[in-house]
Amino acid sequence: MRSRLKIDRQLVGELVREALASEGEICGFLLGRLEGECFKVCELYKAENVSLTKEVSFDVDPRDVYEAHVYAEKRGLDVVGIYHSHPGPPSPSLTDMKCMEDWPIAWLIISSIDGSMAAYIAKRGSIEELEVQVV
């Protein structure tokens, strides 16, 4: 069975609206639980993109990384993924793929052109696309 990312329709709507309205890449964390092969997303934790080239890349403020983990723990959740937008199709860049290997959690990418999205994870030395289940 293929791994999947399960996310609420309202959260998807929020991400798409933000991605379409932003002049740069948006970014943040997906909070929830890992249930077997399913990354179940319960909340979003928005982060600041501190990249100098935020129109075409993202870099999360290190304080946001720490604060997202603290917030998740207080809520009884885990950081199960990272999200960000691309000014093009929702496929991972070479930089994304390298970072996915360093952070082997779900990566959700939203297109800031049309709001389409796809999710990925680094597994066994390769990048695997996750099924995105909107509920």
C-alpha atoms as a PDB file:
ATOM      1  CA  MET A   1       0.000   0.000   0.000  1.00  0.00           C
ATOM      2  CA  ARG A   2       1.265   3.450  -0.937  1.00  0.00           C
ATOM      3  CA  SER A   3       1.878   5.967   1.845  1.00  0.00           C
ATOM      4  CA  ARG A   4      -0.581   8.832   1.974  1.00  0.00           C
ATOM      5  CA  LEU A   5      -1.134  12.283   3.386  1.00  0.00           C
ATOM      6  CA  LYS A   6      -4.637  12.846   4.770  1.00  0.00           C
ATOM      7  CA  ILE A   7      -5.651  16.501   5.163  1.00  0.00           C
ATOM      8  CA  ASP A   8      -8.866  18.372   5.872  1.00  0.00           C
ATOM      9  CA  ARG A   9     -10.491  20.266   2.998  1.00  0.00           C
ATOM     10  CA  GLN A  10     -10.491  23.515   5.038  1.00  0.00           C
ATOM     11  CA  LEU A  11      -6.726  23.289   5.601  1.00  0.00           C
ATOM     12  CA  VAL A  12      -6.199  22.677   1.881  1.00  0.00           C
ATOM     13  CA  GLY A  13      -8.324  25.724   1.084  1.00  0.00           C
ATOM     14  CA  GLU A  14      -6.275  27.833   3.486  1.00  0.00           C
ATOM     15  CA  LEU A  15      -2.993  26.689   1.921  1.00  0.00           C
ATOM     16  CA  VAL A  16      -4.203  27.256  -1.640  1.00  0.00           C
ATOM     17  CA  ARG A  17      -5.552  30.740  -0.860  1.00  0.00           C
ATOM     18  CA  GLU A  18      -2.287  31.717   0.821  1.00  0.00           C
ATOM     19  CA  ALA A  19      -0.132  30.294  -1.994  1.00  0.00           C
ATOM     20  CA  LEU A  20      -2.160  32.017  -4.721  1.00  0.00           C
ATOM     21  CA  ALA A  21      -2.085  35.369  -2.885  1.00  0.00           C
ATOM     22  CA  SER A  22       1.602  35.362  -1.951  1.00  0.00           C
ATOM     23  CA  GLU A  23       4.317  37.031  -4.005  1.00  0.00           C
ATOM     24  CA  GLY A  24       6.905  34.596  -2.598  1.00  0.00           C
ATOM     25  CA  GLU A  25       6.984  30.986  -1.522  1.00  0.00           C
ATOM     26  CA  ILE A  26       4.938  30.242   1.588  1.00  0.00           C
ATOM     27  CA  CYS A  27       6.147  27.665   4.100  1.00  0.00           C
ATOM     28  CA  GLY A  28       5.251  25.995   7.341  1.00  0.00           C
ATOM     29  CA  PHE A  29       4.672  22.707   9.106  1.00  0.00           C
ATOM     30  CA  LEU A  30       1.998  20.041   9.020  1.00  0.00           C
ATOM     31  CA  LEU A  31       1.039  18.948  12.523  1.00  0.00           C
ATOM     32  CA  GLY A  32      -0.741  15.703  13.247  1.00  0.00           C
ATOM     33  CA  ARG A  33      -0.088  12.018  13.719  1.00  0.00           C
ATOM     34  CA  LEU A  34       1.541   9.218  11.798  1.00  0.00           C
ATOM     35  CA  GLU A  35      -0.944   6.339  11.646  1.00  0.00           C
ATOM     36  CA  GLY A  36       0.805   3.421   9.957  1.00  0.00           C
ATOM     37  CA  GLU A  37       1.579   4.638   6.427  1.00  0.00           C
ATOM     38  CA  CYS A  38      -0.764   7.641   6.755  1.00  0.00           C
ATOM     39  CA  PHE A  39       0.385  11.154   7.663  1.00  0.00           C
ATOM     40  CA  LYS A  40      -2.808  12.538   9.211  1.00  0.00           C
ATOM     41  CA  VAL A  41      -2.692  16.351   9.263  1.00  0.00           C
ATOM     42  CA  CYS A  42      -4.708  18.074  12.013  1.00  0.00           C
ATOM     43  CA  GLU A  43      -3.263  21.605  11.982  1.00  0.00           C
ATOM     44  CA  LEU A  44      -0.984  23.947  10.071  1.00  0.00           C
ATOM     45  CA  TYR A  45       1.842  25.897  11.675  1.00  0.00           C
ATOM     46  CA  LYS A  46       2.792  28.839   9.471  1.00  0.00           C
ATOM     47  CA  ALA A  47       6.459  29.808   9.315  1.00  0.00           C
ATOM     48  CA  GLU A  48       8.319  32.810   7.985  1.00  0.00           C
ATOM     49  CA  ASN A  49      10.202  32.413   4.737  1.00  0.00           C
ATOM     50  CA  VAL A  50      13.549  34.087   5.443  1.00  0.00           C
ATOM     51  CA  SER A  51      15.139  33.230   2.091  1.00  0.00           C
ATOM     52  CA  LEU A  52      16.813  36.126   0.302  1.00  0.00           C
ATOM     53  CA  THR A  53      15.254  34.780  -2.902  1.00  0.00           C
ATOM     54  CA  LYS A  54      11.808  33.988  -1.463  1.00  0.00           C
ATOM     55  CA  GLU A  55      10.160  34.382  -4.882  1.00  0.00           C
ATOM     56  CA  VAL A  56      11.746  31.080  -5.967  1.00  0.00           C
ATOM     57  CA  SER A  57      12.905  29.364  -2.762  1.00  0.00           C
ATOM     58  CA  PHE A  58      12.153  29.030   0.893  1.00  0.00           C
ATOM     59  CA  ASP A  59      14.151  28.894   4.073  1.00  0.00           C
ATOM     60  CA  VAL A  60      12.314  28.505   7.378  1.00  0.00           C
ATOM     61  CA  ASP A  61      13.308  30.782  10.236  1.00  0.00           C
ATOM     62  CA  PRO A  62      15.073  28.466  12.755  1.00  0.00           C
ATOM     63  CA  ARG A  63      12.966  29.927  15.576  1.00  0.00           C
ATOM     64  CA  ASP A  64       9.854  28.750  13.727  1.00  0.00           C
ATOM     65  CA  VAL A  65      11.267  25.217  13.527  1.00  0.00           C
ATOM     66  CA  TYR A  66      11.746  25.152  17.293  1.00  0.00           C
ATOM     67  CA  GLU A  67       8.428  26.845  18.065  1.00  0.00           C
ATOM     68  CA  ALA A  68       6.496  24.490  15.750  1.00  0.00           C
ATOM     69  CA  HIS A  69       7.854  21.479  17.652  1.00  0.00           C
ATOM     70  CA  VAL A  70       7.064  23.033  21.038  1.00  0.00           C
ATOM     71  CA  TYR A  71       3.551  23.997  19.901  1.00  0.00           C
ATOM     72  CA  ALA A  72       2.903  20.521  18.460  1.00  0.00           C
ATOM     73  CA  GLU A  73       4.065  18.827  21.651  1.00  0.00           C
ATOM     74  CA  LYS A  74       1.782  21.027  23.770  1.00  0.00           C
ATOM     75  CA  ARG A  75      -1.147  20.019  21.525  1.00  0.00           C
ATOM     76  CA  GLY A  76      -0.267  16.314  21.713  1.00  0.00           C
ATOM     77  CA  LEU A  77       0.706  16.300  18.032  1.00  0.00           C
ATOM     78  CA  ASP A  78       3.836  15.666  15.998  1.00  0.00           C
ATOM     79  CA  VAL A  79       5.426  17.594  13.159  1.00  0.00           C
ATOM     80  CA  VAL A  80       4.490  15.140  10.387  1.00  0.00           C
ATOM     81  CA  GLY A  81       5.364  17.310   7.420  1.00  0.00           C
ATOM     82  CA  ILE A  82       6.572  20.499   5.819  1.00  0.00           C
ATOM     83  CA  TYR A  83       4.633  22.524   3.291  1.00  0.00           C
ATOM     84  CA  HIS A  84       5.727  25.177   0.848  1.00  0.00           C
ATOM     85  CA  SER A  85       4.658  26.651  -2.456  1.00  0.00           C
ATOM     86  CA  HIS A  86       6.300  26.750  -5.864  1.00  0.00           C
ATOM     87  CA  PRO A  87       5.857  29.358  -8.609  1.00  0.00           C
ATOM     88  CA  GLY A  88       5.220  26.455 -10.981  1.00  0.00           C
ATOM     89  CA  PRO A  89       4.098  22.817 -10.844  1.00  0.00           C
ATOM     90  CA  PRO A  90       4.051  21.082  -7.432  1.00  0.00           C
ATOM     91  CA  SER A  91       7.058  18.883  -8.097  1.00  0.00           C
ATOM     92  CA  PRO A  92      10.180  18.898  -5.912  1.00  0.00           C
ATOM     93  CA  SER A  93      13.240  20.887  -6.931  1.00  0.00           C
ATOM     94  CA  LEU A  94      16.740  19.442  -6.591  1.00  0.00           C
ATOM     95  CA  THR A  95      17.125  21.458  -3.365  1.00  0.00           C
ATOM     96  CA  ASP A  96      13.814  20.045  -2.074  1.00  0.00           C
ATOM     97  CA  MET A  97      14.960  16.494  -2.786  1.00  0.00           C
ATOM     98  CA  LYS A  98      18.208  16.976  -0.886  1.00  0.00           C
ATOM     99  CA  CYS A  99      16.335  18.494   2.056  1.00  0.00           C
ATOM    100  CA  MET A 100      13.786  15.649   1.971  1.00  0.00           C
ATOM    101  CA  GLU A 101      16.636  13.236   2.650  1.00  0.00           C
ATOM    102  CA  ASP A 102      17.633  15.328   5.696  1.00  0.00           C
ATOM    103  CA  TRP A 103      13.988  15.605   6.877  1.00  0.00           C
ATOM    104  CA  PRO A 104      12.291  12.276   5.978  1.00  0.00           C
ATOM    105  CA  ILE A 105       8.762  13.467   6.745  1.00  0.00           C
ATOM    106  CA  ALA A 106       5.923  14.353   4.358  1.00  0.00           C
ATOM    107  CA  TRP A 107       6.578  17.317   2.060  1.00  0.00           C
ATOM    108  CA  LEU A 108       3.491  19.015   0.627  1.00  0.00           C
ATOM    109  CA  ILE A 109       4.090  21.362  -2.330  1.00  0.00           C
ATOM    110  CA  ILE A 110       1.400  23.766  -3.537  1.00  0.00           C
ATOM    111  CA  SER A 111       1.548  25.503  -6.913  1.00  0.00           C
ATOM    112  CA  SER A 112       1.127  29.268  -6.591  1.00  0.00           C
ATOM    113  CA  ILE A 113       0.021  29.290 -10.248  1.00  0.00           C
ATOM    114  CA  ASP A 114      -3.091  27.098 -10.061  1.00  0.00           C
ATOM    115  CA  GLY A 115      -3.326  25.752  -6.477  1.00  0.00           C
ATOM    116  CA  SER A 116      -2.570  22.163  -7.471  1.00  0.00           C
ATOM    117  CA  MET A 117      -0.603  20.139  -4.928  1.00  0.00           C
ATOM    118  CA  ALA A 118       1.417  16.981  -4.465  1.00  0.00           C
ATOM    119  CA  ALA A 119       3.173  15.358  -1.516  1.00  0.00           C
ATOM    120  CA  TYR A 120       6.452  13.466  -1.299  1.00  0.00           C
ATOM    121  CA  ILE A 121       8.734  11.645   1.127  1.00  0.00           C
ATOM    122  CA  ALA A 122      12.303  10.382   0.974  1.00  0.00           C
ATOM    123  CA  LYS A 123      12.318   6.600   1.394  1.00  0.00           C
ATOM    124  CA  ARG A 124      15.069   4.053   0.866  1.00  0.00           C
ATOM    125  CA  GLY A 125      17.258   6.474  -1.072  1.00  0.00           C
ATOM    126  CA  SER A 126      14.556   7.741  -3.436  1.00  0.00           C
ATOM    127  CA  ILE A 127      11.730  10.274  -3.477  1.00  0.00           C
ATOM    128  CA  GLU A 128       8.285   8.690  -3.344  1.00  0.00           C
ATOM    129  CA  GLU A 129       5.069  10.525  -4.167  1.00  0.00           C
ATOM    130  CA  LEU A 130       2.395  10.227  -1.506  1.00  0.00           C
ATOM    131  CA  GLU A 131      -1.288   9.882  -2.237  1.00  0.00           C
ATOM    132  CA  VAL A 132      -3.004  13.100  -1.082  1.00  0.00           C
ATOM    133  CA  GLN A 133      -6.377  12.347   0.462  1.00  0.00           C
ATOM    134  CA  VAL A 134      -8.522  15.455   1.056  1.00  0.00           C
ATOM    135  CA  VAL A 135     -11.322  14.799   3.545  1.00  0.00           C
END
